[in-house]
Protein backbone atom coordinates (compact mmCIF):
# COMPACT_ATOMS: atom_id res chain seq x y z
CA MET A 1 -0.95 99.55 -210.75
CA PHE A 2 0.96 96.77 -212.49
CA ALA A 3 -0.20 95.53 -215.88
CA PHE A 4 -0.25 91.72 -215.85
CA ARG A 5 0.33 90.32 -219.33
CA ASP A 6 -0.89 86.78 -218.69
CA ALA A 7 -2.13 84.39 -216.03
CA ARG A 8 1.38 82.98 -215.56
CA GLN A 9 2.65 86.31 -214.26
CA ARG A 10 -0.28 86.59 -211.89
CA ARG A 11 0.50 83.13 -210.51
CA ARG A 12 4.16 84.02 -210.11
CA LEU A 13 3.31 87.19 -208.23
CA ALA A 14 0.76 85.34 -206.07
CA GLY A 15 3.46 82.85 -205.17
CA GLY A 16 5.69 85.70 -204.02
CA PHE A 17 2.92 87.12 -201.86
CA ALA A 18 2.25 83.66 -200.39
CA ALA A 19 5.89 83.19 -199.43
CA LEU A 20 6.05 86.59 -197.76
CA ALA A 21 2.74 85.94 -196.02
CA ALA A 22 4.05 82.66 -194.63
CA LEU A 23 7.07 84.46 -193.18
CA GLY A 24 4.83 87.14 -191.71
CA MET A 25 2.57 84.52 -190.12
CA GLY A 26 5.57 82.99 -188.41
CA VAL A 27 6.55 86.35 -186.96
CA ALA A 28 2.95 87.02 -185.92
CA ALA A 29 2.78 83.69 -184.09
CA VAL A 30 5.72 84.74 -181.93
CA ARG A 31 4.32 88.24 -181.39
CA GLN A 32 0.97 86.91 -180.22
CA ALA A 33 2.42 84.65 -177.53
CA GLY A 34 0.65 85.38 -174.27
CA ALA A 35 -2.58 86.72 -175.74
CA CYS A 36 -6.18 85.72 -175.00
CA PRO A 37 -6.36 81.98 -175.85
CA PHE A 38 -9.21 81.89 -178.37
CA CYS A 39 -9.29 85.47 -179.64
CA SER A 40 -8.60 86.31 -183.25
CA ALA A 41 -5.38 88.12 -184.09
CA PRO A 42 -6.02 91.73 -183.10
CA MET A 43 -5.47 94.82 -185.20
CA GLN A 44 -3.36 97.66 -183.91
CA THR A 45 -5.33 99.34 -181.17
CA LEU A 46 -5.84 103.08 -180.86
CA GLY A 47 -3.71 103.05 -177.73
CA GLN A 48 -0.87 101.33 -179.56
CA GLU A 49 -1.17 103.74 -182.47
CA ILE A 50 -0.90 106.74 -180.15
CA ALA A 51 1.99 105.23 -178.18
CA ALA A 52 3.96 104.47 -181.36
CA ALA A 53 3.40 107.91 -182.90
CA ASP A 54 5.75 110.88 -182.74
CA GLY A 55 2.69 113.11 -182.72
CA ALA A 56 -0.97 112.50 -181.90
CA VAL A 57 -3.74 115.09 -181.73
CA ILE A 58 -7.48 115.46 -181.60
CA ALA A 59 -8.33 117.99 -184.29
CA GLN A 60 -11.44 119.61 -185.79
CA LEU A 61 -12.06 119.75 -189.50
CA VAL A 62 -11.90 123.39 -190.65
CA SER A 63 -12.23 122.95 -194.39
CA PRO A 64 -12.37 119.74 -196.44
CA ILE A 65 -10.24 119.18 -199.50
CA PRO A 66 -11.42 121.40 -202.39
CA GLU A 67 -13.88 119.59 -204.64
CA ALA A 68 -11.83 120.50 -207.70
CA ALA A 69 -8.91 118.57 -206.24
CA VAL A 70 -10.91 115.37 -205.71
CA PRO A 71 -10.69 112.98 -208.68
CA ALA A 72 -14.08 112.16 -210.15
CA SER A 73 -13.08 108.48 -210.35
CA PRO A 74 -10.17 106.25 -209.36
CA GLY A 75 -8.80 106.71 -212.85
CA GLY A 76 -9.20 110.48 -212.81
CA GLY A 77 -6.47 113.02 -213.32
CA ALA A 78 -3.63 113.60 -210.89
CA VAL A 79 -4.15 115.91 -207.95
CA GLY A 80 -1.56 118.54 -207.13
CA THR A 81 0.05 117.84 -203.77
CA GLU A 82 -0.31 121.46 -202.73
CA LEU A 83 -4.10 121.20 -203.12
CA ALA A 84 -4.74 117.65 -201.94
CA THR A 85 -5.06 118.49 -198.26
CA ALA A 86 -7.80 119.34 -195.83
CA LYS A 87 -7.27 121.83 -193.02
CA PHE A 88 -7.67 120.80 -189.38
CA ARG A 89 -7.51 122.88 -186.19
CA ILE A 90 -5.78 121.18 -183.24
CA ALA A 91 -8.16 120.82 -180.29
CA GLU A 92 -5.93 118.77 -177.99
CA VAL A 93 -2.40 117.38 -178.18
CA LEU A 94 -2.08 113.81 -176.96
CA ARG A 95 1.56 113.23 -177.82
CA GLY A 96 4.55 115.06 -179.33
CA GLU A 97 3.77 118.64 -178.34
CA ALA A 98 7.43 119.64 -178.69
CA LYS A 99 7.58 118.44 -182.30
CA LEU A 100 4.47 120.42 -183.18
CA GLY A 101 6.32 123.64 -182.46
CA GLY A 102 3.22 125.49 -181.32
CA ALA A 103 1.29 124.78 -184.55
CA GLN A 104 -2.44 125.43 -184.31
CA GLU A 105 -3.53 123.94 -187.65
CA LEU A 106 -2.56 120.96 -189.80
CA ASP A 107 -2.83 120.29 -193.52
CA VAL A 108 -3.55 116.58 -193.97
CA VAL A 109 -4.65 114.47 -196.94
CA TYR A 110 -8.28 113.55 -196.27
CA PHE A 111 -10.96 113.05 -198.93
CA GLY A 112 -13.95 112.69 -196.60
CA GLN A 113 -16.74 115.23 -196.84
CA ASP A 114 -17.57 115.48 -193.14
CA PRO A 115 -19.22 118.62 -191.75
CA PRO A 116 -17.01 121.35 -190.27
CA GLU A 117 -16.10 121.00 -186.58
CA LYS A 118 -16.12 117.20 -186.88
CA LYS A 119 -13.36 115.83 -184.64
CA PHE A 120 -10.66 113.37 -185.66
CA LEU A 121 -7.75 111.45 -184.19
CA ILE A 122 -4.64 112.20 -186.26
CA THR A 123 -1.31 110.51 -185.63
CA GLY A 124 2.00 110.85 -187.41
CA LEU A 125 5.65 109.81 -187.53
CA ALA A 126 8.80 111.86 -187.98
CA ALA A 127 9.94 109.35 -190.59
CA ILE A 128 11.85 111.64 -192.95
CA SER A 129 12.98 114.48 -190.73
CA PRO A 130 13.17 114.33 -186.92
CA ASP A 131 11.59 117.77 -186.73
CA LYS A 132 8.72 117.23 -189.16
CA ILE A 133 5.81 114.87 -188.59
CA GLU A 134 4.22 113.11 -191.56
CA TRP A 135 0.53 112.77 -190.68
CA THR A 136 -1.52 109.66 -191.44
CA THR A 137 -5.16 109.46 -192.50
CA PRO A 138 -7.44 111.05 -189.85
CA VAL A 139 -9.83 108.76 -187.93
CA PRO A 140 -13.33 110.26 -187.47
CA LEU A 141 -14.47 110.35 -183.84
CA SER A 142 -17.92 110.59 -182.30
CA ASP A 143 -18.35 112.69 -179.17
CA ARG A 144 -18.08 109.54 -177.02
CA ALA A 145 -15.03 108.39 -178.96
CA VAL A 146 -13.30 111.71 -178.21
CA GLN A 147 -13.65 111.08 -174.47
CA TYR A 148 -12.53 107.47 -174.97
CA VAL A 149 -9.38 108.48 -176.86
CA LYS A 150 -8.46 111.11 -174.27
CA ARG A 151 -8.34 108.40 -171.60
CA LEU A 152 -6.01 106.08 -173.50
CA PRO A 153 -2.62 107.72 -172.81
CA ASN A 154 -3.24 107.63 -169.04
CA LEU A 155 -4.25 103.96 -168.73
CA PRO A 156 -1.86 101.39 -167.20
CA ALA A 157 0.15 99.55 -169.84
CA THR A 158 -1.18 96.17 -168.65
CA GLY A 159 -3.20 94.69 -165.84
CA VAL A 160 -6.72 94.50 -164.49
CA ASP A 161 -7.36 98.25 -164.32
CA ARG A 162 -6.69 98.55 -168.04
CA LEU A 163 -9.13 95.75 -168.89
CA ILE A 164 -11.79 97.17 -166.55
CA PHE A 165 -11.86 100.30 -168.72
CA PHE A 166 -12.13 98.42 -172.01
CA GLN A 167 -14.70 95.96 -170.63
CA GLU A 168 -17.20 98.80 -170.48
CA HIS A 169 -16.90 99.29 -174.24
CA LEU A 170 -17.31 95.69 -175.42
CA GLU A 171 -20.24 95.60 -177.90
CA ASP A 172 -20.33 99.40 -177.73
CA GLU A 173 -22.86 101.17 -179.93
CA ASP A 174 -19.92 102.97 -181.53
CA PRO A 175 -18.30 100.35 -183.80
CA LEU A 176 -14.88 102.00 -183.45
CA LEU A 177 -14.93 101.65 -179.67
CA ALA A 178 -16.36 98.13 -179.76
CA GLN A 179 -13.63 96.90 -182.11
CA ASP A 180 -10.86 98.65 -180.19
CA ALA A 181 -12.05 97.21 -176.88
CA TYR A 182 -12.12 93.72 -178.38
CA ASP A 183 -8.60 94.16 -179.77
CA GLU A 184 -7.36 95.23 -176.35
CA PHE A 185 -8.74 92.02 -174.82
CA ALA A 186 -7.37 89.94 -177.69
CA ARG A 187 -3.82 91.17 -177.03
CA ALA A 188 -4.05 91.06 -173.23
CA PRO A 189 -2.21 88.25 -171.39
CA TYR A 190 -4.58 85.48 -170.36
CA ALA A 191 -3.37 85.92 -166.79
CA ASP A 192 -4.87 89.44 -166.86
CA VAL A 193 -8.18 88.04 -168.12
CA ILE A 194 -8.22 85.59 -165.20
CA ALA A 195 -7.46 88.38 -162.74
CA LEU A 196 -10.39 90.37 -164.17
CA GLY A 197 -12.80 87.61 -163.08
CA PRO A 198 -14.29 89.34 -160.00
CA HIS A 199 -15.02 92.45 -162.09
CA MET A 200 -16.74 90.66 -165.00
CA ASN A 201 -20.42 91.18 -165.77
CA ARG A 202 -21.57 87.56 -166.00
CA PRO A 203 -25.23 88.21 -167.00
CA LYS A 204 -24.09 90.45 -169.84
CA LEU A 205 -21.61 87.82 -171.05
CA ILE A 206 -24.36 85.20 -171.17
CA GLN A 207 -26.60 87.64 -173.06
CA TRP A 208 -23.88 88.26 -175.67
CA ILE A 209 -23.11 84.56 -176.06
CA ASN A 210 -26.73 83.89 -176.99
CA ASP A 211 -27.15 87.01 -179.13
CA PRO A 212 -27.25 86.04 -182.86
CA ASN A 213 -26.00 89.51 -183.75
CA VAL A 214 -22.67 88.96 -181.95
CA GLY A 215 -19.96 87.71 -184.30
CA PRO A 216 -17.90 84.54 -183.74
CA SER A 217 -14.79 86.45 -182.63
CA GLY A 218 -16.68 88.31 -179.94
CA ARG A 219 -18.46 85.13 -178.84
CA ARG A 220 -15.08 83.39 -178.41
CA LEU A 221 -13.93 86.17 -176.11
CA TYR A 222 -17.13 86.10 -174.05
CA LEU A 223 -16.97 82.30 -173.69
CA THR A 224 -13.36 82.62 -172.54
CA MET A 225 -14.43 85.19 -169.98
CA LEU A 226 -17.40 83.07 -168.85
CA GLY A 227 -14.98 80.22 -168.25
CA VAL A 228 -13.34 82.51 -165.68
CA CYS A 229 -16.43 83.89 -163.93
CA GLY A 230 -19.10 81.30 -164.77
CA GLN A 231 -21.19 79.41 -162.20
CA PRO A 232 -22.39 75.76 -162.09
CA GLU A 233 -25.85 76.82 -163.24
CA ASP A 234 -24.33 77.98 -166.56
CA VAL A 235 -23.39 74.40 -167.50
CA ALA A 236 -26.91 73.54 -168.70
CA MET A 237 -26.89 76.43 -171.17
CA LEU A 238 -23.48 75.40 -172.51
CA GLU A 239 -24.58 71.76 -172.82
CA SER A 240 -27.59 72.80 -174.87
CA LEU A 241 -25.32 74.69 -177.26
CA LEU A 242 -22.99 71.71 -177.60
CA SER A 243 -25.83 69.22 -178.08
CA TYR A 244 -27.64 71.26 -180.71
CA ASP A 245 -27.45 69.01 -183.78
CA TYR A 246 -29.16 69.75 -187.07
CA GLN A 247 -28.68 66.18 -188.26
CA LEU A 248 -30.82 64.87 -185.40
CA MET A 249 -33.57 67.37 -186.21
CA LYS A 250 -33.39 66.90 -189.97
CA PRO A 251 -35.81 63.92 -190.20
CA GLY A 252 -38.43 65.81 -188.18
CA ILE A 253 -37.96 68.92 -190.32
CA ALA A 254 -38.30 66.84 -193.49
CA ALA A 255 -41.51 65.28 -192.17
CA ALA A 256 -42.90 68.71 -191.33
CA ILE A 257 -42.09 69.98 -194.82
CA ALA A 258 -43.80 66.93 -196.32
CA ASN A 259 -46.92 67.57 -194.23
CA CYS A 260 -46.95 71.17 -195.33
CA ALA A 261 -46.70 70.06 -198.95
CA ALA A 262 -49.60 67.65 -198.50
CA ALA A 263 -51.67 70.44 -196.99
CA GLY A 264 -50.73 72.77 -199.82
CA THR A 265 -48.84 75.22 -197.62
CA VAL A 266 -45.24 74.73 -198.75
CA ILE A 267 -44.42 78.43 -198.81
CA GLY A 268 -41.74 79.10 -196.24
CA ALA A 269 -41.12 75.44 -195.36
CA GLY A 270 -37.76 75.33 -197.10
CA LEU A 271 -36.80 78.62 -195.47
CA ALA A 272 -37.51 77.16 -192.04
CA ASP A 273 -35.14 74.27 -192.80
CA GLU A 274 -32.38 76.63 -193.83
CA MET A 275 -32.91 78.77 -190.73
CA MET A 276 -32.46 75.75 -188.48
CA HIS A 277 -29.30 74.76 -190.31
CA ALA A 278 -27.94 78.32 -190.13
CA ASP A 279 -28.70 78.45 -186.41
CA GLU A 280 -26.54 75.36 -185.83
CA ARG A 281 -23.70 76.83 -187.87
CA ARG A 282 -23.85 80.00 -185.80
CA LYS A 283 -23.72 78.08 -182.53
CA LYS A 284 -20.76 76.01 -183.70
CA GLU A 285 -18.75 78.96 -185.06
CA SER A 286 -17.01 79.40 -181.71
CA LEU A 287 -16.88 75.73 -180.84
CA ASP A 288 -13.30 75.72 -179.54
CA ALA A 289 -14.04 78.35 -176.89
CA LEU A 290 -17.45 76.80 -176.18
CA ILE A 291 -15.93 73.39 -175.38
CA ALA A 292 -13.15 74.95 -173.32
CA CYS A 293 -15.65 77.00 -171.31
CA TYR A 294 -17.90 73.97 -170.79
CA LEU A 295 -15.01 71.82 -169.54
CA LYS A 296 -13.76 74.62 -167.29
CA LEU A 297 -17.13 74.71 -165.49
CA LYS A 298 -18.11 71.03 -165.76
CA GLY A 299 -14.73 69.47 -165.07
CA PRO A 300 -13.53 66.00 -166.17
CA GLU A 301 -17.10 64.70 -166.35
CA GLY A 302 -17.71 67.00 -169.30
CA LEU A 303 -15.30 65.04 -171.51
CA ALA A 304 -17.87 62.27 -171.89
CA LEU A 305 -20.10 64.56 -173.97
CA VAL A 306 -17.12 65.98 -175.91
CA ASP A 307 -15.89 62.46 -176.71
CA GLU A 308 -19.33 61.37 -177.85
CA LYS A 309 -20.11 64.40 -180.01
CA PHE A 310 -16.69 65.10 -181.51
CA LEU A 311 -13.53 63.14 -180.65
CA GLY A 312 -15.10 59.69 -180.75
CA ASN A 313 -17.62 60.47 -183.50
CA PRO A 314 -16.50 58.85 -186.79
CA THR A 315 -18.69 61.20 -188.85
CA VAL A 316 -17.65 64.46 -187.15
CA GLU A 317 -16.85 67.39 -189.40
CA TYR A 318 -13.17 68.22 -189.72
CA LYS A 319 -13.54 71.76 -188.36
CA ASN A 320 -15.49 70.54 -185.31
CA LEU A 321 -12.84 67.93 -184.53
CA HIS A 322 -10.17 70.60 -184.83
CA SER A 323 -12.08 72.82 -182.41
CA ALA A 324 -12.32 70.02 -179.85
CA ILE A 325 -8.56 69.41 -180.06
CA MET A 326 -7.91 73.13 -179.55
CA ALA A 327 -10.02 73.07 -176.39
CA LEU A 328 -8.10 70.07 -175.04
CA ARG A 329 -4.78 71.79 -175.77
CA PHE A 330 -5.97 74.79 -173.81
CA HIS A 331 -6.81 72.70 -170.76
CA GLY A 332 -3.62 70.70 -171.07
CA GLU A 333 -1.47 73.84 -170.95
CA GLU A 334 -3.43 76.52 -169.11
CA THR A 335 -5.58 74.91 -166.39
CA ASP A 336 -5.52 72.12 -163.84
CA VAL A 337 -9.25 71.43 -164.07
CA ILE A 338 -8.79 68.10 -165.89
CA PRO A 339 -6.02 65.59 -165.02
CA ARG A 340 -3.48 65.07 -167.78
CA ASP A 341 -4.20 61.32 -167.99
CA ARG A 342 -7.88 62.00 -168.66
CA LEU A 343 -7.02 64.56 -171.35
CA LEU A 344 -4.72 62.04 -173.03
CA GLN A 345 -7.50 59.48 -173.03
CA SER A 346 -9.64 61.84 -175.09
CA MET A 347 -6.76 63.10 -177.24
CA ARG A 348 -5.95 59.55 -178.35
CA LEU A 349 -9.44 59.26 -179.85
CA ALA A 350 -8.32 61.67 -182.57
CA LEU A 351 -5.87 59.01 -183.82
CA ASP A 352 -8.91 57.13 -185.17
CA HIS A 353 -9.50 59.98 -187.64
CA GLN A 354 -7.09 59.36 -190.49
CA GLU A 355 -7.16 62.92 -191.79
CA PHE A 356 -6.31 64.35 -188.35
CA ALA A 357 -4.07 61.78 -186.67
CA ASP A 358 -0.78 63.41 -187.69
CA GLN A 359 -1.83 66.70 -186.08
CA VAL A 360 -2.31 65.33 -182.54
CA ILE A 361 0.93 63.34 -182.33
CA PRO A 362 2.88 66.54 -181.42
CA ASP A 363 0.54 66.97 -178.45
CA LEU A 364 1.15 63.39 -177.35
CA THR A 365 4.88 64.06 -177.69
CA ARG A 366 4.81 67.25 -175.66
CA TRP A 367 2.70 65.61 -172.96
CA GLU A 368 5.02 62.54 -172.82
CA ASP A 369 2.39 59.97 -173.65
CA TRP A 370 4.75 57.01 -174.08
CA GLU A 371 1.95 54.47 -173.51
CA VAL A 372 0.65 55.13 -177.03
CA MET A 373 4.03 54.31 -178.60
CA PRO A 374 3.13 50.76 -179.82
CA ARG A 375 0.06 52.11 -181.59
CA LEU A 376 2.01 54.88 -183.32
CA VAL A 377 4.68 52.43 -184.47
CA ALA A 378 1.95 50.19 -185.89
CA MET A 379 0.41 53.17 -187.71
CA PHE A 380 3.82 53.98 -189.23
CA LYS A 381 4.23 50.41 -190.49
CA ALA A 382 0.72 50.29 -191.93
CA SER A 383 1.04 53.59 -193.80
CA GLU A 384 2.27 54.15 -197.32
CA LYS A 385 5.66 55.67 -198.01
CA ASP A 386 5.57 59.46 -197.70
CA ASP A 387 2.29 59.27 -195.79
CA TRP A 388 1.70 62.29 -193.53
CA ILE A 389 1.66 60.12 -190.41
CA ARG A 390 5.28 58.94 -190.75
CA GLN A 391 7.13 62.16 -190.07
CA PRO A 392 5.41 63.02 -186.75
CA VAL A 393 5.75 59.41 -185.57
CA ALA A 394 9.49 59.48 -186.26
CA SER A 395 9.80 62.79 -184.42
CA TYR A 396 7.80 61.38 -181.50
CA LEU A 397 10.19 58.43 -181.25
CA LEU A 398 13.26 60.66 -181.40
CA VAL A 399 12.00 62.61 -178.39
CA ALA A 400 10.99 59.42 -176.57
CA ALA A 401 14.45 57.97 -177.20
CA GLU A 402 15.91 60.73 -175.01
CA GLN A 403 13.97 59.42 -172.00
CA GLN A 404 15.51 57.12 -169.42
CA GLY A 405 14.23 53.69 -168.59
CA ALA A 406 11.80 51.53 -170.53
CA PRO A 407 10.29 54.31 -172.73
CA GLY A 408 13.72 55.29 -174.04
CA GLU A 409 14.76 51.71 -174.73
CA GLN A 410 11.48 50.94 -176.47
CA ALA A 411 11.75 54.09 -178.62
CA ARG A 412 15.35 53.36 -179.66
CA ALA A 413 14.43 49.84 -180.69
CA ALA A 414 11.42 51.12 -182.65
CA LEU A 415 13.56 53.74 -184.41
CA ALA A 416 16.04 51.12 -185.54
CA GLU A 417 13.21 49.00 -186.93
CA LEU A 418 11.46 51.89 -188.71
CA GLU A 419 14.73 53.15 -190.15
CA SER A 420 15.11 49.84 -191.95
CA LEU A 421 11.68 50.43 -193.49
CA ASP A 422 11.98 54.14 -194.33
CA ALA A 423 15.41 55.57 -193.65
CA GLU A 424 14.60 58.79 -195.51
CA THR A 425 11.75 59.77 -193.17
CA VAL A 426 13.72 58.97 -190.04
CA GLU A 427 16.70 60.94 -191.32
CA ARG A 428 14.45 63.86 -192.16
CA ALA A 429 13.14 63.81 -188.60
CA ARG A 430 16.70 63.73 -187.28
CA SER A 431 17.56 66.77 -189.39
CA LEU A 432 15.08 68.74 -187.28
CA SER A 433 17.28 68.15 -184.25
CA ALA A 434 18.92 71.51 -185.02
CA PHE A 435 15.73 72.94 -183.55
CA SER A 436 15.41 70.28 -180.88
CA PHE A 437 14.84 72.92 -178.20
CA LEU A 438 11.31 73.06 -179.65
CA ALA A 439 10.90 69.29 -179.53
CA LYS A 440 11.91 68.60 -175.94
CA ALA A 441 9.22 66.74 -174.07
CA ALA A 442 7.63 68.52 -171.14
CA ASP A 443 8.77 67.83 -167.60
CA PRO A 444 5.52 66.81 -165.86
CA ALA A 445 6.45 68.72 -162.69
CA ALA A 446 7.09 71.87 -164.69
CA ALA A 447 4.20 71.39 -167.10
CA SER A 448 1.54 70.71 -164.51
CA PRO A 449 -0.55 73.80 -163.87
CA THR A 450 -0.77 72.75 -160.22
CA ALA A 451 2.97 73.28 -159.92
CA ALA A 452 2.35 76.95 -160.54
CA GLY A 453 -0.29 77.16 -157.83
CA ALA A 454 -3.84 75.92 -157.60
CA THR A 455 -5.20 79.43 -157.64
CA GLY A 456 -4.50 79.84 -161.33
CA ALA A 457 -1.28 81.86 -161.05
CA GLN A 458 0.86 80.45 -163.85
CA ALA A 459 3.76 81.28 -166.06
CA GLU A 460 2.59 83.68 -168.74
CA PRO A 461 0.07 81.83 -170.91
CA VAL A 462 -0.06 81.75 -174.66
CA GLN A 463 -2.58 82.05 -177.41
CA ILE A 464 -3.97 78.70 -178.39
CA GLY A 465 -5.15 80.01 -181.70
CA THR A 466 -8.48 80.31 -183.37
CA PRO A 467 -9.51 78.16 -186.27
CA SER A 468 -11.67 79.68 -188.92
CA ALA A 469 -15.36 79.06 -188.74
CA ASP A 470 -15.03 77.66 -192.23
CA ALA A 471 -11.95 75.54 -191.63
CA ALA A 472 -10.66 73.60 -194.60
CA PRO A 473 -12.21 70.13 -195.14
CA PRO A 474 -9.96 67.06 -194.98
CA ALA A 475 -9.24 67.07 -198.69
CA ALA A 476 -7.99 70.63 -198.57
CA ALA A 477 -6.30 70.39 -195.20
CA ALA A 478 -4.30 67.25 -195.94
CA PRO A 479 -1.88 68.78 -198.47
CA ALA A 480 -1.39 71.73 -196.15
CA ALA A 481 -0.56 69.34 -193.36
CA ALA A 482 1.90 67.57 -195.61
CA ASN A 483 3.63 70.80 -196.62
CA ALA A 484 3.84 71.94 -193.00
CA ALA A 485 5.05 68.60 -191.65
CA ALA A 486 8.64 69.69 -191.29
CA ALA A 487 7.61 72.58 -189.09
CA SER A 488 4.82 70.97 -187.07
CA ASP A 489 5.94 67.41 -186.55
CA VAL A 490 7.01 68.01 -183.02
CA VAL A 491 5.35 71.22 -181.95
CA ALA A 492 1.60 71.46 -182.22
CA PRO A 493 0.07 74.78 -183.18
CA GLY A 494 -0.95 76.58 -180.09
CA PRO A 495 0.57 76.53 -176.62
CA ALA A 496 4.19 77.25 -176.16
CA SER A 497 6.51 74.99 -174.23
CA PRO A 498 5.27 74.73 -170.65
CA THR A 499 8.74 75.12 -169.20
CA PRO A 500 8.57 77.69 -166.36
CA ALA A 501 9.29 81.13 -167.80
CA THR A 502 10.43 82.78 -164.61
CA PRO A 503 12.83 81.90 -161.77
CA ALA A 504 9.90 81.93 -159.36
CA ALA A 505 7.97 79.46 -161.49
CA SER A 506 11.08 77.28 -161.74
CA ARG A 507 11.47 77.21 -157.97
CA VAL A 508 7.82 76.27 -157.49
CA ALA A 509 8.12 73.53 -160.10
CA ALA A 510 11.27 72.20 -158.42
CA LYS A 511 9.52 72.03 -155.06
CA ALA A 512 6.60 70.20 -156.66
CA ALA A 513 8.99 67.70 -158.20
CA ASP A 514 10.83 67.15 -154.89
CA SER A 515 7.57 66.51 -153.09
CA VAL A 516 6.71 63.50 -155.26
CA GLY A 517 7.67 60.43 -153.29
CA GLY A 518 8.35 57.00 -154.83
CA GLY A 519 7.64 55.92 -158.37
CA THR A 520 9.76 56.36 -161.44
CA LYS A 521 10.63 59.91 -162.33
CA SER A 522 10.35 60.99 -165.94
CA VAL A 523 13.71 62.42 -166.94
CA THR A 524 14.12 64.88 -169.77
CA THR A 525 17.45 65.23 -171.48
CA ASP A 526 18.46 68.85 -171.96
CA LEU A 527 19.18 69.30 -175.62
CA PRO A 528 21.54 71.95 -176.96
CA TRP A 529 20.09 75.38 -177.54
CA PRO A 530 20.84 76.79 -181.00
CA SER A 531 23.09 79.80 -181.20
CA LYS A 532 21.53 83.25 -181.38
CA LEU A 533 23.23 83.71 -184.74
CA LYS A 534 21.23 80.81 -186.16
CA ILE A 535 17.98 81.86 -184.54
CA ILE A 536 18.21 85.41 -185.86
CA GLY A 537 20.37 85.03 -188.95
CA VAL A 538 18.56 82.18 -190.70
CA PRO A 539 15.12 83.89 -190.78
CA LEU A 540 16.70 87.17 -191.88
CA LEU A 541 18.60 85.44 -194.67
CA ALA A 542 15.41 83.68 -195.78
CA ALA A 543 13.55 87.01 -195.79
CA LEU A 544 16.29 88.60 -197.88
CA VAL A 545 16.12 85.79 -200.42
CA LEU A 546 12.33 86.14 -200.62
CA LEU A 547 12.61 89.89 -201.16
CA VAL A 548 15.08 89.36 -204.00
CA VAL A 549 12.77 86.81 -205.62
CA PHE A 550 9.83 89.12 -205.11
CA ALA A 551 11.73 91.99 -206.76
CA VAL A 552 12.41 89.79 -209.77
CA LEU A 553 8.72 88.91 -209.96
CA LEU A 554 7.74 92.57 -209.82
CA ARG A 555 10.21 93.39 -212.57
CA GLY A 556 8.61 90.70 -214.66
CA THR A 557 5.24 92.40 -214.29
CA ASP A 558 6.51 95.75 -215.54
CA PRO A 559 5.48 96.28 -219.18
CA ARG A 560 8.76 98.13 -219.73
CA SER A 561 10.68 94.89 -219.07
CA SER A 562 9.20 93.29 -222.19
CA GLN A 563 9.60 94.20 -225.83
CA ASP A 564 6.34 92.62 -226.95
């Protein structure tokens, strides 16, 4: 490993990792488009690993690596490459039989001390030579896992039948199968999850949602699935989870502890208080999916409770407010359960939270909420120079200015006025017009889920995203919001543009638009689409620059680069 001479070098190297991580997150956001709305980013599944391999086998351990070749400690002596392998006998070839050339045994680096005849999944790539497979670390398999892995190559690539198989292994007693099944659901298109509805085991989903041993990621998935197959009688259970509030119970708990102290039995009283607090934290860990599921089953009437507990609550925790916004974004883009006007009414409540207001303006922009324009202009004027709120307001007005009629005229007049107050911010917003294809406001006819059919058949959905259970508090989140302003002023994290993705969806949307009689139509100006050279070349150039910087940082950490 590298020898770091001082803290400055460590900070420099950490900065390089952070820059590369930011680039990777951007790529991951694109890759995950279309996945389960509230699921965490999945790991590579076993099925993906097998499909991407040049060779994949199920093999039995014949002889482990010789004990003399295993270092006694991480800092032990080097191991000769000719000795540092364990021997495996191939039991079944899953992929790449031609490249194996009839081989019956494999020599693979594996330091585990499993008993002989233990079975493993071993995959490899012909990375160096097209005729020779370089094998990766073997994955131990239980007897049930062996049967599971054998089924993977024959499953459909997508669709309901694939999810039916993996549904049977959610919360499996074998951790490998349970995690792989979850990852398969996390990467599946939301449309496939909806289509699975008639095959879902609703009682089991409810059991898992209430099981304290189920983690927050799994609970998010099960709440998403319950939103598809749930029944009206499930609303009461969801309301109880949403209404569970430690702060309301705290006075009673304090009184009980005081009574115990007076009676001389204080042992365990403090523990009871902490258990109640921990129970609330557990129930709120998956709050985004919980609210979305509740609204899916309750309908527009459910927003009254959400507004009271979160959006309209001046003392709400930052992470809980963020979760509520994520749930509203989901319903605004993926369902037609709640009318857009009613969603906007609740979304506007977030503008009262100073630390969060700048993050909901992109949603108001995308949903063409021009009625809130006077309020946003007033917020711009009342803010300090370089305040976080100014950039998204300017971007909102630039998009509104492209509209015809009164909204466009009002936005152009407001832009002229604000430019006289802060020309730098307005110009910075205009500089983002190179990526204006991301900023274009949604056409209501195309954006409305009803235009894609009331049965739930929609253009391919997207991942809304999953906030951490321990999301950053306002003080920590504010600088991050400021640094990310240039990228998120117009496009909120989460749903992609609701423009129909297929010709069929476009035709349906056009028919829906033609069927609207009377009234003023909202017109969206088509903005120029950037060239493919810019879209592909700019990120690649940025990545190259980061790699060069990173190489310089690594050279600076090499003791040989210094004479001291």
